[in-house]
Amino acid sequence: MYTYPVIDQDLGSFSTKGKSVNIICRDYQYPDGDRVTIYVNGIPVVSNLTLEQRYQSFNIPLDEGVNEINIVALNQGTSGPNTAAFKIYNDAGMLISSNEWNLATGAKATIIVAKEK
């Protein structure tokens, strides 16, 4: 199997007055066992998620101030690389970030969401 370089991705920085964000994710190519963990401020909030062909949805509460959300590729499935598609919505249902990736095991995608008062 090809060894992919571990290169992190920056998904941008956003601000919201909302109390949460909704993250939906899936394996955008052939579902082959790709797994991820989603962290908020270093704490795992969705652990060892196997990505499927259909979108899976997770409501993530936000702390006041800066929230660093990291999506970490735990593996590369059976065909490599980790092929995840993510969309992040504010609590009003507006899309704030959307991305597809091809990540090596251990690489992460980061989005910063600042929760305003």
PDB file of N, CA and C in Angstrom:
ATOM      1  N   MET A   1       0.847  -1.176   0.000  1.00  0.00           N
ATOM      2  CA  MET A   1       0.000   0.000   0.000  1.00  0.00           C
ATOM      3  C   MET A   1       0.894   1.240   0.000  1.00  0.00           C
ATOM      4  N   TYR A   2       0.480   2.258  -0.724  1.00  0.00           N
ATOM      5  CA  TYR A   2       1.209   3.512  -0.812  1.00  0.00           C
ATOM      6  C   TYR A   2       1.190   4.230   0.532  1.00  0.00           C
ATOM      7  N   THR A   3       2.313   4.836   0.921  1.00  0.00           N
ATOM      8  CA  THR A   3       2.388   5.623   2.143  1.00  0.00           C
ATOM      9  C   THR A   3       2.130   7.077   1.804  1.00  0.00           C
ATOM     10  N   TYR A   4       1.057   7.636   2.347  1.00  0.00           N
ATOM     11  CA  TYR A   4       0.687   9.018   2.089  1.00  0.00           C
ATOM     12  C   TYR A   4       1.367   9.927   3.105  1.00  0.00           C
ATOM     13  N   PRO A   5       1.797  11.121   2.688  1.00  0.00           N
ATOM     14  CA  PRO A   5       2.403  12.049   3.640  1.00  0.00           C
ATOM     15  C   PRO A   5       1.357  12.583   4.624  1.00  0.00           C
ATOM     16  N   VAL A   6       1.760  12.772   5.870  1.00  0.00           N
ATOM     17  CA  VAL A   6       0.854  13.286   6.897  1.00  0.00           C
ATOM     18  C   VAL A   6       0.861  14.810   6.805  1.00  0.00           C
ATOM     19  N   ILE A   7      -0.178  15.355   6.178  1.00  0.00           N
ATOM     20  CA  ILE A   7      -0.304  16.796   5.980  1.00  0.00           C
ATOM     21  C   ILE A   7      -1.642  17.229   6.555  1.00  0.00           C
ATOM     22  N   ASP A   8      -1.589  18.116   7.556  1.00  0.00           N
ATOM     23  CA  ASP A   8      -2.811  18.615   8.173  1.00  0.00           C
ATOM     24  C   ASP A   8      -3.495  19.622   7.253  1.00  0.00           C
ATOM     25  N   GLN A   9      -4.803  19.817   7.477  1.00  0.00           N
ATOM     26  CA  GLN A   9      -5.578  20.779   6.690  1.00  0.00           C
ATOM     27  C   GLN A   9      -6.224  21.803   7.606  1.00  0.00           C
ATOM     28  N   ASP A  10      -6.220  23.060   7.162  1.00  0.00           N
ATOM     29  CA  ASP A  10      -6.884  24.152   7.869  1.00  0.00           C
ATOM     30  C   ASP A  10      -8.204  24.410   7.166  1.00  0.00           C
ATOM     31  N   LEU A  11      -9.315  24.238   7.893  1.00  0.00           N
ATOM     32  CA  LEU A  11     -10.642  24.438   7.316  1.00  0.00           C
ATOM     33  C   LEU A  11     -11.171  25.850   7.548  1.00  0.00           C
ATOM     34  N   GLY A  12     -10.377  26.705   8.175  1.00  0.00           N
ATOM     35  CA  GLY A  12     -10.755  28.097   8.353  1.00  0.00           C
ATOM     36  C   GLY A  12     -11.214  28.427   9.757  1.00  0.00           C
ATOM     37  N   SER A  13     -11.522  29.720   9.946  1.00  0.00           N
ATOM     38  CA  SER A  13     -11.981  30.237  11.233  1.00  0.00           C
ATOM     39  C   SER A  13     -13.286  30.994  11.024  1.00  0.00           C
ATOM     40  N   PHE A  14     -14.221  30.808  11.959  1.00  0.00           N
ATOM     41  CA  PHE A  14     -15.541  31.394  11.841  1.00  0.00           C
ATOM     42  C   PHE A  14     -16.012  31.854  13.204  1.00  0.00           C
ATOM     43  N   SER A  15     -16.978  32.756  13.223  1.00  0.00           N
ATOM     44  CA  SER A  15     -17.579  33.159  14.488  1.00  0.00           C
ATOM     45  C   SER A  15     -19.087  32.963  14.402  1.00  0.00           C
ATOM     46  N   THR A  16     -19.688  32.723  15.556  1.00  0.00           N
ATOM     47  CA  THR A  16     -21.119  32.488  15.625  1.00  0.00           C
ATOM     48  C   THR A  16     -21.635  32.919  16.993  1.00  0.00           C
ATOM     49  N   LYS A  17     -22.895  33.241  17.058  1.00  0.00           N
ATOM     50  CA  LYS A  17     -23.546  33.487  18.341  1.00  0.00           C
ATOM     51  C   LYS A  17     -24.317  32.246  18.786  1.00  0.00           C
ATOM     52  N   GLY A  18     -24.291  31.227  17.953  1.00  0.00           N
ATOM     53  CA  GLY A  18     -25.015  29.996  18.243  1.00  0.00           C
ATOM     54  C   GLY A  18     -24.396  29.196  19.363  1.00  0.00           C
ATOM     55  N   LYS A  19     -25.188  28.283  19.910  1.00  0.00           N
ATOM     56  CA  LYS A  19     -24.737  27.457  21.019  1.00  0.00           C
ATOM     57  C   LYS A  19     -24.037  26.180  20.572  1.00  0.00           C
ATOM     58  N   SER A  20     -24.182  25.856  19.263  1.00  0.00           N
ATOM     59  CA  SER A  20     -23.614  24.601  18.783  1.00  0.00           C
ATOM     60  C   SER A  20     -23.378  24.678  17.282  1.00  0.00           C
ATOM     61  N   VAL A  21     -22.670  23.672  16.779  1.00  0.00           N
ATOM     62  CA  VAL A  21     -22.547  23.461  15.335  1.00  0.00           C
ATOM     63  C   VAL A  21     -22.977  22.031  15.056  1.00  0.00           C
ATOM     64  N   ASN A  22     -23.413  21.785  13.843  1.00  0.00           N
ATOM     65  CA  ASN A  22     -23.790  20.445  13.413  1.00  0.00           C
ATOM     66  C   ASN A  22     -22.774  19.989  12.382  1.00  0.00           C
ATOM     67  N   ILE A  23     -22.107  18.885  12.657  1.00  0.00           N
ATOM     68  CA  ILE A  23     -21.127  18.330  11.726  1.00  0.00           C
ATOM     69  C   ILE A  23     -21.743  17.101  11.080  1.00  0.00           C
ATOM     70  N   ILE A  24     -21.778  17.099   9.746  1.00  0.00           N
ATOM     71  CA  ILE A  24     -22.204  15.896   9.038  1.00  0.00           C
ATOM     72  C   ILE A  24     -21.010  15.386   8.241  1.00  0.00           C
ATOM     73  N   CYS A  25     -20.873  14.080   8.186  1.00  0.00           N
ATOM     74  CA  CYS A  25     -19.691  13.507   7.536  1.00  0.00           C
ATOM     75  C   CYS A  25     -20.027  12.172   6.889  1.00  0.00           C
ATOM     76  N   ARG A  26     -19.196  11.822   5.904  1.00  0.00           N
ATOM     77  CA  ARG A  26     -19.347  10.535   5.217  1.00  0.00           C
ATOM     78  C   ARG A  26     -18.048  10.200   4.499  1.00  0.00           C
ATOM     79  N   ASP A  27     -17.945   8.980   4.016  1.00  0.00           N
ATOM     80  CA  ASP A  27     -16.850   8.571   3.131  1.00  0.00           C
ATOM     81  C   ASP A  27     -17.317   8.893   1.716  1.00  0.00           C
ATOM     82  N   TYR A  28     -16.673   9.869   1.064  1.00  0.00           N
ATOM     83  CA  TYR A  28     -17.180  10.325  -0.231  1.00  0.00           C
ATOM     84  C   TYR A  28     -16.750   9.431  -1.391  1.00  0.00           C
ATOM     85  N   GLN A  29     -15.901   8.453  -1.152  1.00  0.00           N
ATOM     86  CA  GLN A  29     -15.589   7.488  -2.195  1.00  0.00           C
ATOM     87  C   GLN A  29     -16.147   6.145  -1.759  1.00  0.00           C
ATOM     88  N   TYR A  30     -15.468   5.079  -2.064  1.00  0.00           N
ATOM     89  CA  TYR A  30     -15.941   3.753  -1.684  1.00  0.00           C
ATOM     90  C   TYR A  30     -15.792   3.561  -0.177  1.00  0.00           C
ATOM     91  N   PRO A  31     -16.871   3.252   0.539  1.00  0.00           N
ATOM     92  CA  PRO A  31     -16.756   3.014   1.978  1.00  0.00           C
ATOM     93  C   PRO A  31     -15.874   1.795   2.243  1.00  0.00           C
ATOM     94  N   ASP A  32     -14.696   2.054   2.803  1.00  0.00           N
ATOM     95  CA  ASP A  32     -13.708   0.992   2.971  1.00  0.00           C
ATOM     96  C   ASP A  32     -13.157   0.928   4.391  1.00  0.00           C
ATOM     97  N   GLY A  33     -13.932   1.445   5.346  1.00  0.00           N
ATOM     98  CA  GLY A  33     -13.499   1.350   6.737  1.00  0.00           C
ATOM     99  C   GLY A  33     -12.744   2.559   7.255  1.00  0.00           C
ATOM    100  N   ASP A  34     -12.785   3.698   6.542  1.00  0.00           N
ATOM    101  CA  ASP A  34     -12.139   4.912   7.037  1.00  0.00           C
ATOM    102  C   ASP A  34     -12.730   5.287   8.391  1.00  0.00           C
ATOM    103  N   ARG A  35     -11.855   5.626   9.348  1.00  0.00           N
ATOM    104  CA  ARG A  35     -12.300   6.004  10.689  1.00  0.00           C
ATOM    105  C   ARG A  35     -11.705   7.348  11.087  1.00  0.00           C
ATOM    106  N   VAL A  36     -12.465   8.122  11.856  1.00  0.00           N
ATOM    107  CA  VAL A  36     -12.017   9.423  12.352  1.00  0.00           C
ATOM    108  C   VAL A  36     -12.454   9.591  13.804  1.00  0.00           C
ATOM    109  N   THR A  37     -11.800  10.512  14.501  1.00  0.00           N
ATOM    110  CA  THR A  37     -12.249  10.994  15.804  1.00  0.00           C
ATOM    111  C   THR A  37     -12.347  12.501  15.718  1.00  0.00           C
ATOM    112  N   ILE A  38     -13.419  13.056  16.289  1.00  0.00           N
ATOM    113  CA  ILE A  38     -13.619  14.503  16.308  1.00  0.00           C
ATOM    114  C   ILE A  38     -13.356  15.004  17.724  1.00  0.00           C
ATOM    115  N   TYR A  39     -12.453  15.984  17.831  1.00  0.00           N
ATOM    116  CA  TYR A  39     -12.088  16.590  19.109  1.00  0.00           C
ATOM    117  C   TYR A  39     -12.561  18.035  19.133  1.00  0.00           C
ATOM    118  N   VAL A  40     -12.992  18.501  20.312  1.00  0.00           N
ATOM    119  CA  VAL A  40     -13.274  19.914  20.530  1.00  0.00           C
ATOM    120  C   VAL A  40     -12.411  20.352  21.708  1.00  0.00           C
ATOM    121  N   ASN A  41     -11.528  21.300  21.444  1.00  0.00           N
ATOM    122  CA  ASN A  41     -10.598  21.794  22.470  1.00  0.00           C
ATOM    123  C   ASN A  41      -9.847  20.649  23.141  1.00  0.00           C
ATOM    124  N   GLY A  42      -9.416  19.683  22.331  1.00  0.00           N
ATOM    125  CA  GLY A  42      -8.605  18.570  22.820  1.00  0.00           C
ATOM    126  C   GLY A  42      -9.374  17.425  23.456  1.00  0.00           C
ATOM    127  N   ILE A  43     -10.694  17.532  23.535  1.00  0.00           N
ATOM    128  CA  ILE A  43     -11.512  16.488  24.149  1.00  0.00           C
ATOM    129  C   ILE A  43     -12.265  15.736  23.060  1.00  0.00           C
ATOM    130  N   PRO A  44     -12.148  14.401  23.009  1.00  0.00           N
ATOM    131  CA  PRO A  44     -12.883  13.653  21.987  1.00  0.00           C
ATOM    132  C   PRO A  44     -14.385  13.711  22.249  1.00  0.00           C
ATOM    133  N   VAL A  45     -15.137  14.145  21.227  1.00  0.00           N
ATOM    134  CA  VAL A  45     -16.599  14.216  21.349  1.00  0.00           C
ATOM    135  C   VAL A  45     -17.283  13.165  20.473  1.00  0.00           C
ATOM    136  N   VAL A  46     -16.598  12.699  19.448  1.00  0.00           N
ATOM    137  CA  VAL A  46     -17.050  11.578  18.617  1.00  0.00           C
ATOM    138  C   VAL A  46     -15.815  10.711  18.400  1.00  0.00           C
ATOM    139  N   SER A  47     -15.803   9.521  18.971  1.00  0.00           N
ATOM    140  CA  SER A  47     -14.606   8.681  18.947  1.00  0.00           C
ATOM    141  C   SER A  47     -14.744   7.502  17.997  1.00  0.00           C
ATOM    142  N   ASN A  48     -13.670   7.258  17.258  1.00  0.00           N
ATOM    143  CA  ASN A  48     -13.540   6.051  16.436  1.00  0.00           C
ATOM    144  C   ASN A  48     -14.748   5.828  15.519  1.00  0.00           C
ATOM    145  N   LEU A  49     -15.155   6.887  14.822  1.00  0.00           N
ATOM    146  CA  LEU A  49     -16.303   6.837  13.917  1.00  0.00           C
ATOM    147  C   LEU A  49     -15.899   6.209  12.584  1.00  0.00           C
ATOM    148  N   THR A  50     -16.607   5.146  12.188  1.00  0.00           N
ATOM    149  CA  THR A  50     -16.401   4.562  10.858  1.00  0.00           C
ATOM    150  C   THR A  50     -17.291   5.313   9.885  1.00  0.00           C
ATOM    151  N   LEU A  51     -16.673   5.909   8.869  1.00  0.00           N
ATOM    152  CA  LEU A  51     -17.415   6.687   7.885  1.00  0.00           C
ATOM    153  C   LEU A  51     -18.169   5.758   6.944  1.00  0.00           C
ATOM    154  N   GLU A  52     -19.401   6.142   6.648  1.00  0.00           N
ATOM    155  CA  GLU A  52     -20.257   5.353   5.769  1.00  0.00           C
ATOM    156  C   GLU A  52     -20.545   6.147   4.502  1.00  0.00           C
ATOM    157  N   GLN A  53     -21.247   5.528   3.570  1.00  0.00           N
ATOM    158  CA  GLN A  53     -21.602   6.227   2.332  1.00  0.00           C
ATOM    159  C   GLN A  53     -22.626   7.323   2.603  1.00  0.00           C
ATOM    160  N   ARG A  54     -23.543   7.092   3.543  1.00  0.00           N
ATOM    161  CA  ARG A  54     -24.548   8.102   3.883  1.00  0.00           C
ATOM    162  C   ARG A  54     -23.961   9.043   4.935  1.00  0.00           C
ATOM    163  N   TYR A  55     -24.485  10.268   4.958  1.00  0.00           N
ATOM    164  CA  TYR A  55     -24.042  11.240   5.953  1.00  0.00           C
ATOM    165  C   TYR A  55     -24.482  10.829   7.349  1.00  0.00           C
ATOM    166  N   GLN A  56     -23.599  11.045   8.313  1.00  0.00           N
ATOM    167  CA  GLN A  56     -23.897  10.881   9.730  1.00  0.00           C
ATOM    168  C   GLN A  56     -23.799  12.270  10.358  1.00  0.00           C
ATOM    169  N   SER A  57     -24.684  12.580  11.296  1.00  0.00           N
ATOM    170  CA  SER A  57     -24.798  13.930  11.838  1.00  0.00           C
ATOM    171  C   SER A  57     -24.487  13.958  13.330  1.00  0.00           C
ATOM    172  N   PHE A  58     -23.748  15.010  13.751  1.00  0.00           N
ATOM    173  CA  PHE A  58     -23.375  15.163  15.155  1.00  0.00           C
ATOM    174  C   PHE A  58     -23.535  16.625  15.554  1.00  0.00           C
ATOM    175  N   ASN A  59     -24.322  16.856  16.608  1.00  0.00           N
ATOM    176  CA  ASN A  59     -24.487  18.200  17.145  1.00  0.00           C
ATOM    177  C   ASN A  59     -23.394  18.421  18.193  1.00  0.00           C
ATOM    178  N   ILE A  60     -22.577  19.448  17.984  1.00  0.00           N
ATOM    179  CA  ILE A  60     -21.432  19.700  18.842  1.00  0.00           C
ATOM    180  C   ILE A  60     -21.661  21.002  19.618  1.00  0.00           C
ATOM    181  N   PRO A  61     -21.839  20.943  20.950  1.00  0.00           N
ATOM    182  CA  PRO A  61     -22.002  22.167  21.733  1.00  0.00           C
ATOM    183  C   PRO A  61     -20.710  22.981  21.724  1.00  0.00           C
ATOM    184  N   LEU A  62     -20.852  24.301  21.760  1.00  0.00           N
ATOM    185  CA  LEU A  62     -19.692  25.189  21.752  1.00  0.00           C
ATOM    186  C   LEU A  62     -19.529  25.852  23.112  1.00  0.00           C
ATOM    187  N   ASP A  63     -18.269  26.017  23.528  1.00  0.00           N
ATOM    188  CA  ASP A  63     -17.951  26.812  24.703  1.00  0.00           C
ATOM    189  C   ASP A  63     -17.873  28.266  24.286  1.00  0.00           C
ATOM    190  N   GLU A  64     -18.115  29.176  25.211  1.00  0.00           N
ATOM    191  CA  GLU A  64     -17.948  30.587  24.903  1.00  0.00           C
ATOM    192  C   GLU A  64     -16.470  30.844  24.623  1.00  0.00           C
ATOM    193  N   GLY A  65     -16.194  31.637  23.598  1.00  0.00           N
ATOM    194  CA  GLY A  65     -14.816  31.910  23.201  1.00  0.00           C
ATOM    195  C   GLY A  65     -14.403  31.016  22.048  1.00  0.00           C
ATOM    196  N   VAL A  66     -13.128  30.676  22.008  1.00  0.00           N
ATOM    197  CA  VAL A  66     -12.559  29.928  20.889  1.00  0.00           C
ATOM    198  C   VAL A  66     -12.759  28.427  21.081  1.00  0.00           C
ATOM    199  N   ASN A  67     -13.264  27.785  20.033  1.00  0.00           N
ATOM    200  CA  ASN A  67     -13.441  26.331  20.002  1.00  0.00           C
ATOM    201  C   ASN A  67     -12.627  25.780  18.840  1.00  0.00           C
ATOM    202  N   GLU A  68     -11.636  24.973  19.153  1.00  0.00           N
ATOM    203  CA  GLU A  68     -10.829  24.333  18.111  1.00  0.00           C
ATOM    204  C   GLU A  68     -11.365  22.931  17.884  1.00  0.00           C
ATOM    205  N   ILE A  69     -11.877  22.704  16.680  1.00  0.00           N
ATOM    206  CA  ILE A  69     -12.424  21.397  16.317  1.00  0.00           C
ATOM    207  C   ILE A  69     -11.422  20.710  15.404  1.00  0.00           C
ATOM    208  N   ASN A  70     -10.942  19.545  15.838  1.00  0.00           N
ATOM    209  CA  ASN A  70      -9.997  18.749  15.055  1.00  0.00           C
ATOM    210  C   ASN A  70     -10.657  17.446  14.648  1.00  0.00           C
ATOM    211  N   ILE A  71     -10.550  17.121  13.378  1.00  0.00           N
ATOM    212  CA  ILE A  71     -11.033  15.846  12.854  1.00  0.00           C
ATOM    213  C   ILE A  71      -9.784  15.071  12.461  1.00  0.00           C
ATOM    214  N   VAL A  72      -9.531  13.980  13.151  1.00  0.00           N
ATOM    215  CA  VAL A  72      -8.287  13.236  12.989  1.00  0.00           C
ATOM    216  C   VAL A  72      -8.554  11.931  12.252  1.00  0.00           C
ATOM    217  N   ALA A  73      -7.771  11.676  11.194  1.00  0.00           N
ATOM    218  CA  ALA A  73      -7.857  10.417  10.448  1.00  0.00           C
ATOM    219  C   ALA A  73      -7.171   9.321  11.262  1.00  0.00           C
ATOM    220  N   LEU A  74      -7.935   8.317  11.654  1.00  0.00           N
ATOM    221  CA  LEU A  74      -7.371   7.224  12.451  1.00  0.00           C
ATOM    222  C   LEU A  74      -6.747   6.131  11.596  1.00  0.00           C
ATOM    223  N   ASN A  75      -7.192   6.046  10.345  1.00  0.00           N
ATOM    224  CA  ASN A  75      -6.665   5.025   9.440  1.00  0.00           C
ATOM    225  C   ASN A  75      -6.899   5.472   8.005  1.00  0.00           C
ATOM    226  N   GLN A  76      -6.588   4.586   7.072  1.00  0.00           N
ATOM    227  CA  GLN A  76      -6.786   4.875   5.655  1.00  0.00           C
ATOM    228  C   GLN A  76      -7.686   3.838   5.004  1.00  0.00           C
ATOM    229  N   GLY A  77      -8.485   3.165   5.797  1.00  0.00           N
ATOM    230  CA  GLY A  77      -9.369   2.151   5.235  1.00  0.00           C
ATOM    231  C   GLY A  77      -8.579   1.057   4.539  1.00  0.00           C
ATOM    232  N   THR A  78      -9.266   0.289   3.709  1.00  0.00           N
ATOM    233  CA  THR A  78      -8.578  -0.812   3.027  1.00  0.00           C
ATOM    234  C   THR A  78      -7.908  -0.373   1.738  1.00  0.00           C
ATOM    235  N   SER A  79      -8.284   0.819   1.213  1.00  0.00           N
ATOM    236  CA  SER A  79      -7.694   1.243  -0.056  1.00  0.00           C
ATOM    237  C   SER A  79      -6.868   2.520   0.049  1.00  0.00           C
ATOM    238  N   GLY A  80      -6.954   3.267   1.153  1.00  0.00           N
ATOM    239  CA  GLY A  80      -6.161   4.479   1.356  1.00  0.00           C
ATOM    240  C   GLY A  80      -6.337   5.488   0.231  1.00  0.00           C
ATOM    241  N   PRO A  81      -6.247   6.751   0.508  1.00  0.00           N
ATOM    242  CA  PRO A  81      -6.141   7.373   1.822  1.00  0.00           C
ATOM    243  C   PRO A  81      -7.512   7.465   2.488  1.00  0.00           C
ATOM    244  N   ASN A  82      -7.580   8.166   3.621  1.00  0.00           N
ATOM    245  CA  ASN A  82      -8.840   8.411   4.317  1.00  0.00           C
ATOM    246  C   ASN A  82      -9.591   9.460   3.509  1.00  0.00           C
ATOM    247  N   THR A  83     -10.741   9.094   2.951  1.00  0.00           N
ATOM    248  CA  THR A  83     -11.498   9.972   2.052  1.00  0.00           C
ATOM    249  C   THR A  83     -12.789  10.408   2.724  1.00  0.00           C
ATOM    250  N   ALA A  84     -12.708  11.471   3.500  1.00  0.00           N
ATOM    251  CA  ALA A  84     -13.855  11.954   4.254  1.00  0.00           C
ATOM    252  C   ALA A  84     -14.404  13.228   3.631  1.00  0.00           C
ATOM    253  N   ALA A  85     -15.711  13.388   3.726  1.00  0.00           N
ATOM    254  CA  ALA A  85     -16.375  14.632   3.341  1.00  0.00           C
ATOM    255  C   ALA A  85     -17.065  15.161   4.587  1.00  0.00           C
ATOM    256  N   PHE A  86     -16.825  16.441   4.890  1.00  0.00           N
ATOM    257  CA  PHE A  86     -17.412  17.067   6.067  1.00  0.00           C
ATOM    258  C   PHE A  86     -18.119  18.340   5.684  1.00  0.00           C
ATOM    259  N   LYS A  87     -19.265  18.575   6.330  1.00  0.00           N
ATOM    260  CA  LYS A  87     -19.965  19.850   6.240  1.00  0.00           C
ATOM    261  C   LYS A  87     -20.270  20.276   7.668  1.00  0.00           C
ATOM    262  N   ILE A  88     -20.057  21.566   7.935  1.00  0.00           N
ATOM    263  CA  ILE A  88     -20.300  22.092   9.268  1.00  0.00           C
ATOM    264  C   ILE A  88     -21.298  23.231   9.151  1.00  0.00           C
ATOM    265  N   TYR A  89     -22.392  23.117   9.916  1.00  0.00           N
ATOM    266  CA  TYR A  89     -23.470  24.095   9.898  1.00  0.00           C
ATOM    267  C   TYR A  89     -23.572  24.777  11.259  1.00  0.00           C
ATOM    268  N   ASN A  90     -23.971  26.066  11.253  1.00  0.00           N
ATOM    269  CA  ASN A  90     -24.266  26.700  12.532  1.00  0.00           C
ATOM    270  C   ASN A  90     -25.630  26.212  13.012  1.00  0.00           C
ATOM    271  N   ASP A  91     -26.044  26.639  14.211  1.00  0.00           N
ATOM    272  CA  ASP A  91     -27.302  26.104  14.746  1.00  0.00           C
ATOM    273  C   ASP A  91     -28.540  26.685  14.071  1.00  0.00           C
ATOM    274  N   ALA A  92     -28.343  27.643  13.149  1.00  0.00           N
ATOM    275  CA  ALA A  92     -29.450  28.147  12.337  1.00  0.00           C
ATOM    276  C   ALA A  92     -29.552  27.393  11.011  1.00  0.00           C
ATOM    277  N   GLY A  93     -28.661  26.409  10.804  1.00  0.00           N
ATOM    278  CA  GLY A  93     -28.696  25.598   9.593  1.00  0.00           C
ATOM    279  C   GLY A  93     -27.940  26.165   8.411  1.00  0.00           C
ATOM    280  N   MET A  94     -27.144  27.223   8.638  1.00  0.00           N
ATOM    281  CA  MET A  94     -26.350  27.816   7.561  1.00  0.00           C
ATOM    282  C   MET A  94     -24.993  27.130   7.473  1.00  0.00           C
ATOM    283  N   LEU A  95     -24.577  26.771   6.256  1.00  0.00           N
ATOM    284  CA  LEU A  95     -23.290  26.120   6.037  1.00  0.00           C
ATOM    285  C   LEU A  95     -22.160  27.093   6.338  1.00  0.00           C
ATOM    286  N   ILE A  96     -21.216  26.686   7.209  1.00  0.00           N
ATOM    287  CA  ILE A  96     -20.061  27.543   7.488  1.00  0.00           C
ATOM    288  C   ILE A  96     -18.765  26.963   6.945  1.00  0.00           C
ATOM    289  N   SER A  97     -18.718  25.661   6.679  1.00  0.00           N
ATOM    290  CA  SER A  97     -17.518  25.062   6.089  1.00  0.00           C
ATOM    291  C   SER A  97     -17.891  23.734   5.438  1.00  0.00           C
ATOM    292  N   SER A  98     -17.234  23.453   4.327  1.00  0.00           N
ATOM    293  CA  SER A  98     -17.454  22.198   3.613  1.00  0.00           C
ATOM    294  C   SER A  98     -16.135  21.789   2.977  1.00  0.00           C
ATOM    295  N   ASN A  99     -15.771  20.509   3.096  1.00  0.00           N
ATOM    296  CA  ASN A  99     -14.500  20.079   2.540  1.00  0.00           C
ATOM    297  C   ASN A  99     -14.500  18.574   2.332  1.00  0.00           C
ATOM    298  N   GLU A 100     -13.710  18.133   1.384  1.00  0.00           N
ATOM    299  CA  GLU A 100     -13.394  16.727   1.186  1.00  0.00           C
ATOM    300  C   GLU A 100     -11.886  16.601   1.319  1.00  0.00           C
ATOM    301  N   TRP A 101     -11.421  15.479   1.798  1.00  0.00           N
ATOM    302  CA  TRP A 101      -9.984  15.327   1.981  1.00  0.00           C
ATOM    303  C   TRP A 101      -9.503  13.956   1.565  1.00  0.00           C
ATOM    304  N   ASN A 102      -8.208  13.866   1.440  1.00  0.00           N
ATOM    305  CA  ASN A 102      -7.495  12.610   1.254  1.00  0.00           C
ATOM    306  C   ASN A 102      -6.350  12.650   2.257  1.00  0.00           C
ATOM    307  N   LEU A 103      -6.606  12.160   3.472  1.00  0.00           N
ATOM    308  CA  LEU A 103      -5.635  12.282   4.545  1.00  0.00           C
ATOM    309  C   LEU A 103      -4.986  10.954   4.878  1.00  0.00           C
ATOM    310  N   ALA A 104      -3.719  11.047   5.269  1.00  0.00           N
ATOM    311  CA  ALA A 104      -2.993   9.890   5.772  1.00  0.00           C
ATOM    312  C   ALA A 104      -3.367   9.662   7.233  1.00  0.00           C
ATOM    313  N   THR A 105      -3.101   8.473   7.714  1.00  0.00           N
ATOM    314  CA  THR A 105      -3.330   8.161   9.117  1.00  0.00           C
ATOM    315  C   THR A 105      -2.592   9.161   9.998  1.00  0.00           C
ATOM    316  N   GLY A 106      -3.300   9.732  10.973  1.00  0.00           N
ATOM    317  CA  GLY A 106      -2.695  10.677  11.904  1.00  0.00           C
ATOM    318  C   GLY A 106      -2.833  12.135  11.504  1.00  0.00           C
ATOM    319  N   ALA A 107      -3.193  12.394  10.269  1.00  0.00           N
ATOM    320  CA  ALA A 107      -3.373  13.785   9.836  1.00  0.00           C
ATOM    321  C   ALA A 107      -4.694  14.309  10.382  1.00  0.00           C
ATOM    322  N   LYS A 108      -4.778  15.639  10.504  1.00  0.00           N
ATOM    323  CA  LYS A 108      -6.004  16.225  11.040  1.00  0.00           C
ATOM    324  C   LYS A 108      -6.426  17.427  10.219  1.00  0.00           C
ATOM    325  N   ALA A 109      -7.730  17.655  10.263  1.00  0.00           N
ATOM    326  CA  ALA A 109      -8.313  18.862   9.680  1.00  0.00           C
ATOM    327  C   ALA A 109      -8.838  19.677  10.849  1.00  0.00           C
ATOM    328  N   THR A 110      -8.553  20.992  10.828  1.00  0.00           N
ATOM    329  CA  THR A 110      -8.909  21.863  11.956  1.00  0.00           C
ATOM    330  C   THR A 110      -9.781  23.012  11.489  1.00  0.00           C
ATOM    331  N   ILE A 111     -10.834  23.267  12.272  1.00  0.00           N
ATOM    332  CA  ILE A 111     -11.682  24.444  12.063  1.00  0.00           C
ATOM    333  C   ILE A 111     -11.781  25.138  13.416  1.00  0.00           C
ATOM    334  N   ILE A 112     -11.666  26.462  13.383  1.00  0.00           N
ATOM    335  CA  ILE A 112     -11.798  27.270  14.595  1.00  0.00           C
ATOM    336  C   ILE A 112     -13.167  27.943  14.544  1.00  0.00           C
ATOM    337  N   VAL A 113     -13.956  27.777  15.605  1.00  0.00           N
ATOM    338  CA  VAL A 113     -15.267  28.421  15.700  1.00  0.00           C
ATOM    339  C   VAL A 113     -15.267  29.252  16.985  1.00  0.00           C
ATOM    340  N   ALA A 114     -15.363  30.566  16.827  1.00  0.00           N
ATOM    341  CA  ALA A 114     -15.427  31.455  17.983  1.00  0.00           C
ATOM    342  C   ALA A 114     -16.889  31.696  18.322  1.00  0.00           C
ATOM    343  N   LYS A 115     -17.260  31.374  19.546  1.00  0.00           N
ATOM    344  CA  LYS A 115     -18.637  31.616  20.001  1.00  0.00           C
ATOM    345  C   LYS A 115     -18.683  32.967  20.691  1.00  0.00           C
ATOM    346  N   GLU A 116     -19.462  33.866  20.098  1.00  0.00           N
ATOM    347  CA  GLU A 116     -19.619  35.212  20.661  1.00  0.00           C
ATOM    348  C   GLU A 116     -20.710  35.198  21.711  1.00  0.00           C
ATOM    349  N   LYS A 117     -20.697  36.208  22.573  1.00  0.00           N
ATOM    350  CA  LYS A 117     -21.747  36.352  23.590  1.00  0.00           C
ATOM    351  C   LYS A 117     -23.037  36.780  22.951  1.00  0.00           C
TER     352      LYS A 117
END
